[in-house]
Amino acid sequence: MNREDGWEKAKAIIPDGVVSSLIYAEIVTRLTLRGGSASNIDRAWEELECAVEPFTAERARAAGLLVAATRERGLSLADRACLALGLELGSPVFTTDRAWAGLTIGADIRLIR
């Protein structure tokens, strides 16, 4: 959305993508703080065609348990929610955060920049 480094790669995978509702809330928060209106944010999100999965109790538990393996790298709850969802779905997890590289948690982590 901000055309940061790696945005072309992200744009190519987003239509097939899935995010946790926790991540979606974080995206809406950031766009709102940057002055986005609800209707503009909704319109931009619809254009992305990215699915939103609920952050269920089971997914919250999985994200919480990942703290032991990710704490040294400073991953946030949202980061761990993303990883937990990827692990559950057996899907690759795409990130721009180099702190995720080399994590040995069973996730297929792919850096896009």
Protein backbone atom coordinates (compact mmCIF):
# COMPACT_ATOMS: atom_id res chain seq x y z
CA MET A 1 0.00 0.00 0.00
CA ASN A 2 2.92 2.34 0.64
CA ARG A 3 5.04 1.08 -2.26
CA GLU A 4 7.93 0.25 0.04
CA ASP A 5 10.80 -1.94 -1.16
CA GLY A 6 9.42 -5.32 -2.17
CA TRP A 7 5.90 -4.04 -2.91
CA GLU A 8 5.91 -5.61 -6.39
CA LYS A 9 6.47 -9.08 -4.91
CA ALA A 10 3.84 -8.48 -2.26
CA LYS A 11 1.32 -7.29 -4.86
CA ALA A 12 1.81 -10.49 -6.84
CA ILE A 13 1.04 -12.80 -3.89
CA ILE A 14 -1.65 -10.82 -2.05
CA PRO A 15 -4.66 -11.92 -4.15
CA ASP A 16 -3.98 -15.51 -3.06
CA GLY A 17 -3.06 -14.42 0.45
CA VAL A 18 -4.61 -14.89 3.83
CA VAL A 19 -4.05 -12.74 6.91
CA SER A 20 -5.13 -13.08 10.49
CA SER A 21 -7.84 -10.71 11.66
CA LEU A 22 -5.22 -9.48 14.14
CA ILE A 23 -3.00 -8.41 11.22
CA TYR A 24 -5.98 -6.84 9.47
CA ALA A 25 -6.69 -4.78 12.61
CA GLU A 26 -3.08 -3.64 12.65
CA ILE A 27 -3.27 -2.58 8.98
CA VAL A 28 -6.50 -0.65 9.55
CA THR A 29 -4.96 1.00 12.62
CA ARG A 30 -1.90 2.18 10.72
CA LEU A 31 -3.93 3.47 7.78
CA THR A 32 -6.30 5.29 10.14
CA LEU A 33 -3.38 6.93 11.95
CA ARG A 34 -2.10 8.10 8.57
CA GLY A 35 -5.40 9.88 7.95
CA GLY A 36 -7.30 7.23 6.03
CA SER A 37 -11.08 7.25 6.25
CA ALA A 38 -13.06 4.07 6.85
CA SER A 39 -14.43 4.10 3.31
CA ASN A 40 -11.00 4.65 1.73
CA ILE A 41 -9.48 1.86 3.84
CA ASP A 42 -12.33 -0.50 2.95
CA ARG A 43 -11.97 0.30 -0.75
CA ALA A 44 -8.19 -0.23 -0.68
CA TRP A 45 -8.59 -3.54 1.16
CA GLU A 46 -11.22 -4.79 -1.29
CA GLU A 47 -8.84 -4.07 -4.17
CA LEU A 48 -6.21 -6.32 -2.56
CA GLU A 49 -8.53 -9.36 -2.63
CA CYS A 50 -6.81 -10.84 0.42
CA ALA A 51 -8.78 -13.13 2.73
CA VAL A 52 -9.04 -12.45 6.47
CA GLU A 53 -9.07 -15.44 8.84
CA PRO A 54 -10.42 -15.08 12.40
CA PHE A 55 -7.90 -14.94 15.24
CA THR A 56 -9.51 -17.80 17.14
CA ALA A 57 -8.67 -19.10 20.60
CA GLU A 58 -6.70 -21.96 19.05
CA ARG A 59 -4.73 -19.58 16.85
CA ALA A 60 -4.13 -17.25 19.79
CA ARG A 61 -2.77 -20.19 21.79
CA ALA A 62 -0.46 -21.21 18.93
CA ALA A 63 0.81 -17.63 18.59
CA GLY A 64 1.39 -17.43 22.33
CA LEU A 65 3.36 -20.66 22.36
CA LEU A 66 5.65 -19.36 19.60
CA VAL A 67 7.08 -16.73 21.96
CA ALA A 68 9.62 -19.21 23.32
CA ALA A 69 11.11 -19.78 19.86
CA THR A 70 10.89 -16.16 18.67
CA ARG A 71 11.54 -14.00 21.71
CA GLU A 72 15.27 -13.51 21.03
CA ARG A 73 14.39 -12.01 17.64
CA GLY A 74 11.81 -9.61 19.08
CA LEU A 75 8.77 -10.84 17.16
CA SER A 76 5.50 -9.20 18.12
CA LEU A 77 2.17 -10.85 18.82
CA ALA A 78 1.06 -9.91 15.29
CA ASP A 79 4.21 -11.52 13.87
CA ARG A 80 3.52 -14.69 15.81
CA ALA A 81 -0.14 -14.66 14.74
CA CYS A 82 1.02 -14.58 11.14
CA LEU A 83 3.42 -17.46 11.69
CA ALA A 84 0.84 -19.51 13.59
CA LEU A 85 -1.67 -19.10 10.76
CA GLY A 86 0.92 -20.09 8.17
CA LEU A 87 1.84 -23.17 10.17
CA GLU A 88 -1.80 -24.16 10.59
CA LEU A 89 -2.61 -23.71 6.89
CA GLY A 90 0.67 -25.24 5.73
CA SER A 91 1.22 -22.11 3.65
CA PRO A 92 4.37 -20.09 3.05
CA VAL A 93 4.65 -16.97 5.19
CA PHE A 94 5.91 -13.86 3.43
CA THR A 95 7.64 -11.06 5.30
CA THR A 96 10.00 -8.15 4.87
CA ASP A 97 11.34 -8.61 8.40
CA ARG A 98 14.81 -10.14 8.32
CA ALA A 99 14.48 -11.12 12.00
CA TRP A 100 12.27 -13.98 10.80
CA ALA A 101 15.01 -15.45 8.59
CA GLY A 102 16.45 -18.65 9.97
CA LEU A 103 13.65 -19.32 12.46
CA THR A 104 13.38 -23.06 13.00
CA ILE A 105 9.71 -23.42 13.86
CA GLY A 106 8.60 -25.48 10.87
CA ALA A 107 7.21 -22.55 8.89
CA ASP A 108 8.12 -21.88 5.26
CA ILE A 109 9.29 -18.29 5.74
CA ARG A 110 10.05 -16.27 2.62
CA LEU A 111 11.65 -12.84 2.63
CA ILE A 112 10.33 -10.55 -0.10
CA ARG A 113 13.09 -7.98 0.13
